[in-house]
C-alpha atoms as a PDB file:
ATOM      1  CA  MET A   1      -0.013  -0.006  -0.002  1.00  0.00           C
ATOM      2  CA  THR A   2       1.221   3.519  -0.807  1.00  0.00           C
ATOM      3  CA  THR A   3       2.473   5.581   2.124  1.00  0.00           C
ATOM      4  CA  VAL A   4       1.137   9.107   2.379  1.00  0.00           C
ATOM      5  CA  VAL A   5       3.547  11.634   3.920  1.00  0.00           C
ATOM      6  CA  ARG A   6       1.818  14.801   5.178  1.00  0.00           C
ATOM      7  CA  THR A   7       1.504  17.261   8.001  1.00  0.00           C
ATOM      8  CA  ALA A   8      -0.793  16.387  10.856  1.00  0.00           C
ATOM      9  CA  THR A   9      -4.307  17.729  11.484  1.00  0.00           C
ATOM     10  CA  PRO A  10      -6.257  18.109  14.733  1.00  0.00           C
ATOM     11  CA  ALA A  11      -8.151  14.936  13.778  1.00  0.00           C
ATOM     12  CA  ASP A  12      -4.836  13.017  14.102  1.00  0.00           C
ATOM     13  CA  ASP A  13      -4.376  13.913  17.781  1.00  0.00           C
ATOM     14  CA  PRO A  14      -5.907  10.697  19.230  1.00  0.00           C
ATOM     15  CA  ALA A  15      -3.887   8.510  16.836  1.00  0.00           C
ATOM     16  CA  LEU A  16      -0.703  10.372  17.659  1.00  0.00           C
ATOM     17  CA  ALA A  17      -1.273  10.036  21.396  1.00  0.00           C
ATOM     18  CA  ALA A  18      -1.913   6.339  20.959  1.00  0.00           C
ATOM     19  CA  LEU A  19       1.289   5.864  18.915  1.00  0.00           C
ATOM     20  CA  TRP A  20       3.373   7.693  21.526  1.00  0.00           C
ATOM     21  CA  ARG A  21       1.797   5.620  24.328  1.00  0.00           C
ATOM     22  CA  ARG A  22       2.728   2.466  22.444  1.00  0.00           C
ATOM     23  CA  CYS A  23       6.327   3.506  21.759  1.00  0.00           C
ATOM     24  CA  PHE A  24       7.283   5.458  24.924  1.00  0.00           C
ATOM     25  CA  ASP A  25       6.739   5.358  28.626  1.00  0.00           C
ATOM     26  CA  ALA A  26       6.392   9.164  28.644  1.00  0.00           C
ATOM     27  CA  PRO A  27       2.849  10.405  29.173  1.00  0.00           C
ATOM     28  CA  GLN A  28       4.062  13.990  29.055  1.00  0.00           C
ATOM     29  CA  ILE A  29       4.670  13.873  25.276  1.00  0.00           C
ATOM     30  CA  ALA A  30       1.120  14.934  24.347  1.00  0.00           C
ATOM     31  CA  ARG A  31       1.275  17.854  26.846  1.00  0.00           C
ATOM     32  CA  LEU A  32       4.588  19.055  25.402  1.00  0.00           C
ATOM     33  CA  HIS A  33       3.261  18.714  21.867  1.00  0.00           C
ATOM     34  CA  ALA A  34       0.378  20.996  22.786  1.00  0.00           C
ATOM     35  CA  LEU A  35       2.764  23.819  23.736  1.00  0.00           C
ATOM     36  CA  ASP A  36       3.359  24.759  20.080  1.00  0.00           C
ATOM     37  CA  PRO A  37       0.423  26.681  18.578  1.00  0.00           C
ATOM     38  CA  ASP A  38       1.668  25.638  15.154  1.00  0.00           C
ATOM     39  CA  ARG A  39       2.137  21.985  16.192  1.00  0.00           C
ATOM     40  CA  HIS A  40       0.091  20.434  13.422  1.00  0.00           C
ATOM     41  CA  ARG A  41       2.103  21.984  10.609  1.00  0.00           C
ATOM     42  CA  HIS A  42       5.268  21.122  12.566  1.00  0.00           C
ATOM     43  CA  THR A  43       4.206  17.470  12.878  1.00  0.00           C
ATOM     44  CA  PHE A  44       4.933  15.130   9.974  1.00  0.00           C
ATOM     45  CA  VAL A  45       3.228  11.786   9.696  1.00  0.00           C
ATOM     46  CA  ALA A  46       3.450   8.724   7.458  1.00  0.00           C
ATOM     47  CA  GLN A  47      -0.020   7.353   6.854  1.00  0.00           C
ATOM     48  CA  ASN A  48      -0.668   3.813   5.647  1.00  0.00           C
ATOM     49  CA  GLY A  49      -2.527   4.730   2.482  1.00  0.00           C
ATOM     50  CA  PRO A  50      -5.195   7.451   2.043  1.00  0.00           C
ATOM     51  CA  GLU A  51      -7.540   5.845   4.531  1.00  0.00           C
ATOM     52  CA  GLY A  52      -5.098   4.005   6.771  1.00  0.00           C
ATOM     53  CA  GLY A  53      -3.589   4.689  10.197  1.00  0.00           C
ATOM     54  CA  ILE A  54      -0.440   6.534  11.158  1.00  0.00           C
ATOM     55  CA  ASP A  55       2.711   4.465  10.914  1.00  0.00           C
ATOM     56  CA  ALA A  56       5.295   7.064  11.932  1.00  0.00           C
ATOM     57  CA  VAL A  57       5.684  10.602  13.212  1.00  0.00           C
ATOM     58  CA  VAL A  58       8.401  13.246  13.516  1.00  0.00           C
ATOM     59  CA  VAL A  59       7.836  16.534  15.345  1.00  0.00           C
ATOM     60  CA  TYR A  60       9.767  19.769  14.813  1.00  0.00           C
ATOM     61  CA  VAL A  61       9.808  21.970  17.900  1.00  0.00           C
ATOM     62  CA  PRO A  62      10.942  25.619  17.336  1.00  0.00           C
ATOM     63  CA  ARG A  63      13.168  26.853  20.187  1.00  0.00           C
ATOM     64  CA  LEU A  64      15.390  29.833  20.919  1.00  0.00           C
ATOM     65  CA  ILE A  65      18.819  28.491  21.817  1.00  0.00           C
ATOM     66  CA  ARG A  66      21.950  30.500  22.544  1.00  0.00           C
ATOM     67  CA  ASP A  67      24.873  30.138  20.147  1.00  0.00           C
ATOM     68  CA  ALA A  68      28.567  30.053  20.935  1.00  0.00           C
ATOM     69  CA  HIS A  69      28.446  33.801  21.624  1.00  0.00           C
ATOM     70  CA  GLY A  70      25.336  33.586  23.829  1.00  0.00           C
ATOM     71  CA  THR A  71      23.090  35.061  21.127  1.00  0.00           C
ATOM     72  CA  PRO A  72      19.648  33.420  20.819  1.00  0.00           C
ATOM     73  CA  GLN A  73      19.040  31.683  17.514  1.00  0.00           C
ATOM     74  CA  ARG A  74      15.943  29.930  16.194  1.00  0.00           C
ATOM     75  CA  VAL A  75      16.679  26.230  16.287  1.00  0.00           C
ATOM     76  CA  GLY A  76      14.556  23.302  15.128  1.00  0.00           C
ATOM     77  CA  GLY A  77      14.385  20.647  17.791  1.00  0.00           C
ATOM     78  CA  ILE A  78      13.442  17.168  16.566  1.00  0.00           C
ATOM     79  CA  GLY A  79      11.517  15.057  19.005  1.00  0.00           C
ATOM     80  CA  SER A  80       8.649  12.640  19.639  1.00  0.00           C
ATOM     81  CA  VAL A  81       9.938  10.464  16.797  1.00  0.00           C
ATOM     82  CA  ALA A  82       8.027   7.183  16.773  1.00  0.00           C
ATOM     83  CA  THR A  83       7.302   4.357  14.308  1.00  0.00           C
ATOM     84  CA  ARG A  84       4.735   1.621  14.748  1.00  0.00           C
ATOM     85  CA  PRO A  85       6.736  -1.602  15.328  1.00  0.00           C
ATOM     86  CA  GLU A  86       5.128  -3.338  12.369  1.00  0.00           C
ATOM     87  CA  ALA A  87       6.196  -0.486  10.057  1.00  0.00           C
ATOM     88  CA  ARG A  88       9.865  -0.217  11.052  1.00  0.00           C
ATOM     89  CA  GLY A  89      12.678  -0.738   8.561  1.00  0.00           C
ATOM     90  CA  ARG A  90      10.869   0.996   5.703  1.00  0.00           C
ATOM     91  CA  GLY A  91      12.700   4.361   5.861  1.00  0.00           C
ATOM     92  CA  LEU A  92       9.605   6.256   7.046  1.00  0.00           C
ATOM     93  CA  VAL A  93      11.462   8.409   9.552  1.00  0.00           C
ATOM     94  CA  ARG A  94      13.986   9.436   6.903  1.00  0.00           C
ATOM     95  CA  ARG A  95      11.183  10.570   4.601  1.00  0.00           C
ATOM     96  CA  LEU A  96       9.579  12.562   7.440  1.00  0.00           C
ATOM     97  CA  LEU A  97      12.919  14.195   8.294  1.00  0.00           C
ATOM     98  CA  VAL A  98      13.142  15.515   4.719  1.00  0.00           C
ATOM     99  CA  GLU A  99       9.820  17.278   5.239  1.00  0.00           C
ATOM    100  CA  ALA A 100      10.841  18.577   8.671  1.00  0.00           C
ATOM    101  CA  GLU A 101      14.088  19.941   7.246  1.00  0.00           C
ATOM    102  CA  ARG A 102      12.237  21.833   4.496  1.00  0.00           C
ATOM    103  CA  THR A 103       9.888  23.420   6.988  1.00  0.00           C
ATOM    104  CA  MET A 104      12.646  24.305   9.445  1.00  0.00           C
ATOM    105  CA  ALA A 105      14.665  25.961   6.686  1.00  0.00           C
ATOM    106  CA  ALA A 106      11.621  27.851   5.427  1.00  0.00           C
ATOM    107  CA  GLU A 107      10.950  29.102   8.945  1.00  0.00           C
ATOM    108  CA  GLN A 108      14.550  30.388   9.192  1.00  0.00           C
ATOM    109  CA  CYS A 109      15.939  27.935  11.712  1.00  0.00           C
ATOM    110  CA  ALA A 110      19.679  28.382  11.891  1.00  0.00           C
ATOM    111  CA  TRP A 111      20.236  24.692  12.627  1.00  0.00           C
ATOM    112  CA  SER A 112      18.535  21.609  14.022  1.00  0.00           C
ATOM    113  CA  LEU A 113      19.157  19.727  17.282  1.00  0.00           C
ATOM    114  CA  LEU A 114      18.097  16.315  18.587  1.00  0.00           C
ATOM    115  CA  PHE A 115      19.080  13.805  21.244  1.00  0.00           C
ATOM    116  CA  THR A 116      18.947  10.069  20.623  1.00  0.00           C
ATOM    117  CA  GLY A 117      20.347   6.698  21.540  1.00  0.00           C
ATOM    118  CA  THR A 118      20.055   5.570  17.903  1.00  0.00           C
ATOM    119  CA  PRO A 119      22.213   7.982  15.912  1.00  0.00           C
ATOM    120  CA  GLY A 120      22.271   5.790  12.809  1.00  0.00           C
ATOM    121  CA  VAL A 121      18.645   6.698  12.139  1.00  0.00           C
ATOM    122  CA  TYR A 122      19.649  10.337  11.617  1.00  0.00           C
ATOM    123  CA  ARG A 123      23.186  10.311  10.161  1.00  0.00           C
ATOM    124  CA  GLY A 124      21.997   9.623   6.638  1.00  0.00           C
ATOM    125  CA  SER A 125      19.704  12.651   6.862  1.00  0.00           C
ATOM    126  CA  GLY A 126      22.509  15.076   7.666  1.00  0.00           C
ATOM    127  CA  TRP A 127      22.611  15.107  11.482  1.00  0.00           C
ATOM    128  CA  GLN A 128      26.045  14.602  13.038  1.00  0.00           C
ATOM    129  CA  GLU A 129      26.912  13.588  16.614  1.00  0.00           C
ATOM    130  CA  PHE A 130      28.648  15.811  19.061  1.00  0.00           C
ATOM    131  CA  GLY A 131      30.205  14.746  22.342  1.00  0.00           C
ATOM    132  CA  SER A 132      29.252  15.542  25.893  1.00  0.00           C
ATOM    133  CA  ALA A 133      30.213  14.165  29.286  1.00  0.00           C
ATOM    134  CA  CYS A 134      28.818  13.444  32.694  1.00  0.00           C
ATOM    135  CA  THR A 135      30.560  12.625  35.999  1.00  0.00           C
ATOM    136  CA  GLU A 136      29.782   9.472  37.981  1.00  0.00           C
ATOM    137  CA  GLY A 137      30.912   8.072  41.300  1.00  0.00           C
ATOM    138  CA  SER A 138      30.006   6.694  44.680  1.00  0.00           C
ATOM    139  CA  LEU A 139      27.953   8.890  46.976  1.00  0.00           C
ATOM    140  CA  ALA A 140      30.044  10.674  49.566  1.00  0.00           C
ATOM    141  CA  PRO A 141      29.384  10.182  53.285  1.00  0.00           C
ATOM    142  CA  PRO A 142      27.333  12.785  55.166  1.00  0.00           C
ATOM    143  CA  ALA A 143      28.945  16.205  55.495  1.00  0.00           C
ATOM    144  CA  ALA A 144      28.760  18.860  58.182  1.00  0.00           C
ATOM    145  CA  SER A 145      26.219  21.642  57.717  1.00  0.00           C
ATOM    146  CA  GLY A 146      27.350  24.340  55.369  1.00  0.00           C
ATOM    147  CA  ALA A 147      26.901  28.080  55.110  1.00  0.00           C
ATOM    148  CA  PHE A 148      23.589  27.900  53.253  1.00  0.00           C
ATOM    149  CA  ARG A 149      20.232  26.541  54.329  1.00  0.00           C
ATOM    150  CA  VAL A 150      18.956  23.917  51.846  1.00  0.00           C
ATOM    151  CA  ARG A 151      15.279  22.942  51.584  1.00  0.00           C
ATOM    152  CA  GLY A 152      12.855  21.528  49.112  1.00  0.00           C
ATOM    153  CA  ALA A 153      11.617  23.967  46.500  1.00  0.00           C
ATOM    154  CA  THR A 154       7.977  25.092  46.550  1.00  0.00           C
ATOM    155  CA  ALA A 155       5.651  26.680  44.034  1.00  0.00           C
ATOM    156  CA  ARG A 156       6.198  30.004  45.823  1.00  0.00           C
ATOM    157  CA  ASP A 157       9.864  29.929  44.764  1.00  0.00           C
ATOM    158  CA  ALA A 158       8.951  30.121  41.054  1.00  0.00           C
ATOM    159  CA  VAL A 159       9.801  33.754  40.469  1.00  0.00           C
ATOM    160  CA  GLU A 160      13.187  33.554  42.175  1.00  0.00           C
ATOM    161  CA  VAL A 161      14.054  30.245  40.505  1.00  0.00           C
ATOM    162  CA  THR A 162      13.201  31.706  37.105  1.00  0.00           C
ATOM    163  CA  ALA A 163      15.466  34.662  37.795  1.00  0.00           C
ATOM    164  CA  LEU A 164      18.314  32.422  38.931  1.00  0.00           C
ATOM    165  CA  HIS A 165      17.993  30.308  35.777  1.00  0.00           C
ATOM    166  CA  HIS A 166      17.980  33.329  33.483  1.00  0.00           C
ATOM    167  CA  ALA A 167      21.029  34.920  35.132  1.00  0.00           C
ATOM    168  CA  TYR A 168      23.026  31.684  35.270  1.00  0.00           C
ATOM    169  CA  ASN A 169      22.399  30.898  31.598  1.00  0.00           C
ATOM    170  CA  ALA A 170      22.393  34.443  30.194  1.00  0.00           C
ATOM    171  CA  ASN A 171      25.439  33.768  27.978  1.00  0.00           C
ATOM    172  CA  ARG A 172      25.634  29.976  28.101  1.00  0.00           C
ATOM    173  CA  PRO A 173      25.997  28.261  24.710  1.00  0.00           C
ATOM    174  CA  LEU A 174      23.378  25.596  23.879  1.00  0.00           C
ATOM    175  CA  SER A 175      20.999  26.683  26.641  1.00  0.00           C
ATOM    176  CA  SER A 176      17.347  27.500  25.826  1.00  0.00           C
ATOM    177  CA  LEU A 177      15.470  30.698  26.525  1.00  0.00           C
ATOM    178  CA  ARG A 178      12.545  29.565  28.664  1.00  0.00           C
ATOM    179  CA  GLY A 179       9.206  31.326  28.467  1.00  0.00           C
ATOM    180  CA  PRO A 180       6.318  31.205  30.940  1.00  0.00           C
ATOM    181  CA  GLU A 181       4.816  28.210  29.087  1.00  0.00           C
ATOM    182  CA  ASP A 182       8.054  26.317  29.540  1.00  0.00           C
ATOM    183  CA  TRP A 183       8.113  26.861  33.291  1.00  0.00           C
ATOM    184  CA  ALA A 184       4.383  25.995  33.491  1.00  0.00           C
ATOM    185  CA  VAL A 185       4.466  22.823  31.351  1.00  0.00           C
ATOM    186  CA  ARG A 186       7.840  21.758  29.982  1.00  0.00           C
ATOM    187  CA  VAL A 187       9.930  21.957  33.163  1.00  0.00           C
ATOM    188  CA  PRO A 188       7.358  20.170  35.363  1.00  0.00           C
ATOM    189  CA  ALA A 189       6.883  17.533  32.634  1.00  0.00           C
ATOM    190  CA  TRP A 190      10.565  16.549  32.828  1.00  0.00           C
ATOM    191  CA  TYR A 191      11.333  17.350  36.459  1.00  0.00           C
ATOM    192  CA  GLY A 192       8.069  16.647  38.298  1.00  0.00           C
ATOM    193  CA  VAL A 193       6.600  18.643  41.174  1.00  0.00           C
ATOM    194  CA  PRO A 194       8.701  21.493  42.618  1.00  0.00           C
ATOM    195  CA  ASP A 195       9.565  19.845  45.922  1.00  0.00           C
ATOM    196  CA  ARG A 196      11.649  17.222  44.070  1.00  0.00           C
ATOM    197  CA  SER A 197      14.103  20.090  43.510  1.00  0.00           C
ATOM    198  CA  LEU A 198      16.199  21.801  46.161  1.00  0.00           C
ATOM    199  CA  VAL A 199      16.959  25.456  46.785  1.00  0.00           C
ATOM    200  CA  ALA A 200      19.754  27.118  48.787  1.00  0.00           C
ATOM    201  CA  VAL A 201      18.807  30.057  50.972  1.00  0.00           C
ATOM    202  CA  ASP A 202      21.137  32.810  52.156  1.00  0.00           C
ATOM    203  CA  PRO A 203      20.558  32.781  55.941  1.00  0.00           C
ATOM    204  CA  GLY A 204      21.394  36.469  56.196  1.00  0.00           C
ATOM    205  CA  THR A 205      18.954  37.808  53.565  1.00  0.00           C
ATOM    206  CA  GLY A 206      16.517  34.945  53.146  1.00  0.00           C
ATOM    207  CA  ALA A 207      16.984  35.160  49.369  1.00  0.00           C
ATOM    208  CA  LEU A 208      17.343  32.110  47.140  1.00  0.00           C
ATOM    209  CA  VAL A 209      20.905  31.796  45.862  1.00  0.00           C
ATOM    210  CA  GLY A 210      20.786  28.358  44.209  1.00  0.00           C
ATOM    211  CA  TRP A 211      18.466  25.764  42.665  1.00  0.00           C
ATOM    212  CA  ILE A 212      19.253  22.181  41.780  1.00  0.00           C
ATOM    213  CA  VAL A 213      17.272  19.342  40.209  1.00  0.00           C
ATOM    214  CA  ALA A 214      18.220  15.765  40.983  1.00  0.00           C
ATOM    215  CA  GLN A 215      16.251  12.657  40.084  1.00  0.00           C
ATOM    216  CA  HIS A 216      16.627   8.930  40.675  1.00  0.00           C
ATOM    217  CA  GLU A 217      17.873   6.969  37.693  1.00  0.00           C
ATOM    218  CA  GLY A 218      18.352   3.269  38.467  1.00  0.00           C
ATOM    219  CA  GLU A 219      20.861   3.024  41.338  1.00  0.00           C
ATOM    220  CA  CYS A 220      21.993   6.614  40.826  1.00  0.00           C
ATOM    221  CA  VAL A 221      20.794   9.967  41.990  1.00  0.00           C
ATOM    222  CA  GLU A 222      21.346  12.170  38.947  1.00  0.00           C
ATOM    223  CA  VAL A 223      21.859  15.950  39.009  1.00  0.00           C
ATOM    224  CA  ARG A 224      20.134  17.280  35.918  1.00  0.00           C
ATOM    225  CA  GLU A 225      20.229  21.078  36.364  1.00  0.00           C
ATOM    226  CA  PHE A 226      21.730  23.787  38.511  1.00  0.00           C
ATOM    227  CA  ALA A 227      21.461  27.549  38.566  1.00  0.00           C
ATOM    228  CA  GLY A 228      22.790  30.059  41.034  1.00  0.00           C
ATOM    229  CA  ALA A 229      25.881  31.157  42.959  1.00  0.00           C
ATOM    230  CA  PRO A 230      28.840  28.740  42.814  1.00  0.00           C
ATOM    231  CA  GLU A 231      29.371  29.142  46.544  1.00  0.00           C
ATOM    232  CA  CYS A 232      26.185  27.225  47.357  1.00  0.00           C
ATOM    233  CA  LEU A 233      26.808  24.306  45.015  1.00  0.00           C
ATOM    234  CA  GLY A 234      28.662  22.199  47.611  1.00  0.00           C
ATOM    235  CA  ASP A 235      25.772  22.491  50.093  1.00  0.00           C
ATOM    236  CA  LEU A 236      23.252  21.560  47.365  1.00  0.00           C
ATOM    237  CA  PHE A 237      25.400  18.599  46.340  1.00  0.00           C
ATOM    238  CA  ALA A 238      25.562  17.418  49.995  1.00  0.00           C
ATOM    239  CA  ALA A 239      21.750  17.598  50.240  1.00  0.00           C
ATOM    240  CA  VAL A 240      21.341  15.681  46.994  1.00  0.00           C
ATOM    241  CA  GLY A 241      23.628  12.987  48.366  1.00  0.00           C
ATOM    242  CA  ALA A 242      21.642  12.844  51.630  1.00  0.00           C
ATOM    243  CA  ARG A 243      18.421  12.320  49.699  1.00  0.00           C
ATOM    244  CA  GLY A 244      20.025   9.646  47.591  1.00  0.00           C
ATOM    245  CA  ARG A 245      21.383   7.726  50.565  1.00  0.00           C
ATOM    246  CA  ALA A 246      17.977   7.955  52.282  1.00  0.00           C
ATOM    247  CA  ALA A 247      16.440   6.316  49.232  1.00  0.00           C
ATOM    248  CA  GLY A 248      18.972   3.479  49.421  1.00  0.00           C
ATOM    249  CA  LEU A 249      21.090   4.690  46.472  1.00  0.00           C
ATOM    250  CA  THR A 250      24.838   4.302  46.445  1.00  0.00           C
ATOM    251  CA  ARG A 251      25.951   6.212  43.343  1.00  0.00           C
ATOM    252  CA  GLY A 252      25.584   9.644  41.867  1.00  0.00           C
ATOM    253  CA  ARG A 253      25.813  11.240  38.433  1.00  0.00           C
ATOM    254  CA  VAL A 254      26.193  14.905  37.540  1.00  0.00           C
ATOM    255  CA  ARG A 255      25.079  16.395  34.214  1.00  0.00           C
ATOM    256  CA  MET A 256      26.592  19.849  34.415  1.00  0.00           C
ATOM    257  CA  PRO A 257      29.281  21.519  32.311  1.00  0.00           C
ATOM    258  CA  ASP A 258      32.732  20.932  33.749  1.00  0.00           C
ATOM    259  CA  GLY A 259      34.365  23.921  35.397  1.00  0.00           C
ATOM    260  CA  PRO A 260      36.166  25.036  38.562  1.00  0.00           C
ATOM    261  CA  GLU A 261      32.949  25.592  40.485  1.00  0.00           C
ATOM    262  CA  VAL A 262      31.770  22.037  39.822  1.00  0.00           C
ATOM    263  CA  ARG A 263      35.129  20.404  40.535  1.00  0.00           C
ATOM    264  CA  THR A 264      35.443  22.318  43.813  1.00  0.00           C
ATOM    265  CA  ALA A 265      31.996  21.263  44.996  1.00  0.00           C
ATOM    266  CA  LEU A 266      31.990  17.684  43.678  1.00  0.00           C
ATOM    267  CA  PRO A 267      33.569  16.019  46.781  1.00  0.00           C
ATOM    268  CA  ALA A 268      30.359  16.908  48.684  1.00  0.00           C
ATOM    269  CA  LEU A 269      28.505  14.467  46.426  1.00  0.00           C
ATOM    270  CA  LEU A 270      30.987  11.925  45.013  1.00  0.00           C
ATOM    271  CA  THR A 271      33.994  10.191  46.533  1.00  0.00           C
ATOM    272  CA  ASP A 272      35.555   8.743  43.367  1.00  0.00           C
ATOM    273  CA  PRO A 273      34.362  10.881  40.416  1.00  0.00           C
ATOM    274  CA  ARG A 274      35.128   9.745  36.905  1.00  0.00           C
ATOM    275  CA  THR A 275      34.228  11.385  33.608  1.00  0.00           C
ATOM    276  CA  VAL A 276      32.022   9.393  31.246  1.00  0.00           C
ATOM    277  CA  ALA A 277      31.916  10.418  27.574  1.00  0.00           C
ATOM    278  CA  GLU A 278      28.560  10.387  25.763  1.00  0.00           C
ATOM    279  CA  HIS A 279      27.447  10.917  22.186  1.00  0.00           C
ATOM    280  CA  VAL A 280      23.696  11.392  22.327  1.00  0.00           C
ATOM    281  CA  GLY A 281      23.450  14.892  20.842  1.00  0.00           C
ATOM    282  CA  MET A 282      23.164  15.462  17.117  1.00  0.00           C
ATOM    283  CA  ALA A 283      23.095  18.668  15.123  1.00  0.00           C
ATOM    284  CA  ARG A 284      22.371  19.614  11.480  1.00  0.00           C
ATOM    285  CA  PRO A 285      23.198  23.004   9.929  1.00  0.00           C
ATOM    286  CA  LEU A 286      20.399  24.748   8.037  1.00  0.00           C
ATOM    287  CA  HIS A 287      21.088  28.476   7.538  1.00  0.00           C
ATOM    288  CA  ALA A 288      24.087  28.533   9.907  1.00  0.00           C
ATOM    289  CA  THR A 289      27.443  27.202   8.760  1.00  0.00           C
ATOM    290  CA  ALA A 290      28.683  23.832   9.954  1.00  0.00           C
ATOM    291  CA  GLU A 291      31.542  25.642  11.698  1.00  0.00           C
ATOM    292  CA  ALA A 292      29.164  27.901  13.658  1.00  0.00           C
ATOM    293  CA  VAL A 293      27.049  24.957  14.789  1.00  0.00           C
ATOM    294  CA  ARG A 294      30.103  22.968  15.840  1.00  0.00           C
ATOM    295  CA  ALA A 295      31.381  25.981  17.771  1.00  0.00           C
ATOM    296  CA  THR A 296      28.089  26.129  19.699  1.00  0.00           C
ATOM    297  CA  VAL A 297      27.796  22.474  20.638  1.00  0.00           C
ATOM    298  CA  THR A 298      31.480  22.221  21.657  1.00  0.00           C
ATOM    299  CA  ALA A 299      31.851  25.590  23.390  1.00  0.00           C
ATOM    300  CA  PRO A 300      33.174  25.664  26.971  1.00  0.00           C
ATOM    301  CA  GLY A 301      30.241  25.569  29.382  1.00  0.00           C
ATOM    302  CA  ALA A 302      27.785  24.521  26.704  1.00  0.00           C
ATOM    303  CA  VAL A 303      24.799  22.579  28.063  1.00  0.00           C
ATOM    304  CA  HIS A 304      21.252  21.808  27.004  1.00  0.00           C
ATOM    305  CA  TRP A 305      19.465  21.188  30.260  1.00  0.00           C
ATOM    306  CA  TYR A 306      17.251  18.068  30.554  1.00  0.00           C
ATOM    307  CA  GLY A 307      14.262  20.264  31.395  1.00  0.00           C
ATOM    308  CA  ASP A 308      14.397  21.753  27.880  1.00  0.00           C
ATOM    309  CA  CYS A 309      13.968  18.419  26.117  1.00  0.00           C
ATOM    310  CA  PHE A 310      11.662  18.332  23.111  1.00  0.00           C
END
């Protein structure tokens, strides 16, 4: 039967949600998809004939992401890629990526970004891997109380946390500009309720000076985002470790850009840190040059926080 490649319509929403439920254990995908008011023309589907069901889907998510100089650029995020198991191996995703690339270029995206554990699916369509790293090790023993008071975040902290995030990432390559809708939907979708995060409070002024997100991943407690003053990072790391040990975990992982502030604070969380190289990010130039894209994804301090996933 002939495959029909087209953009999605509102009538496809139930079928898309069903396909994502079948392929992913990620109920937040439909909520994230709804964030884009132009989502249907940014969603590309392979339909099994004129009257058939949807076999595959690729979604282009427009985002503002800072380049190597900290300047926001329109970038086409590729996400929510799914193929019905019975339809795999037919090159459907590659055909949908061609349509996504045309639309991203027409809408003046400088380049495209995605994260995947199956890079071979995308290499032939022009996306190339770039390296990143995380730090892993055994959880450190309890530490003495530090200079900052650490507590669970609450919904009332939202304004201060938003300000900390903006200031910390103001010139950071590969970081996204978050709008109110991101804080309302995208960040909670990936990080959960606020009290799973921690904040550091200056005991003298009562102001928030740091925010950290750590989640359990197998036997590890994994730090997925930080924003704030470097001086409070050690106290936040110690609190993350305490939560991990209380949950019976023995190891930790940190997904933050390497730098003096992280290396100085790391002993509060890990006793035997080691760097683990990863290659899950992929980028494709559109209007930007390949050199400019490579400069962004490899810049010192570059990070695309987990809470900005597509």
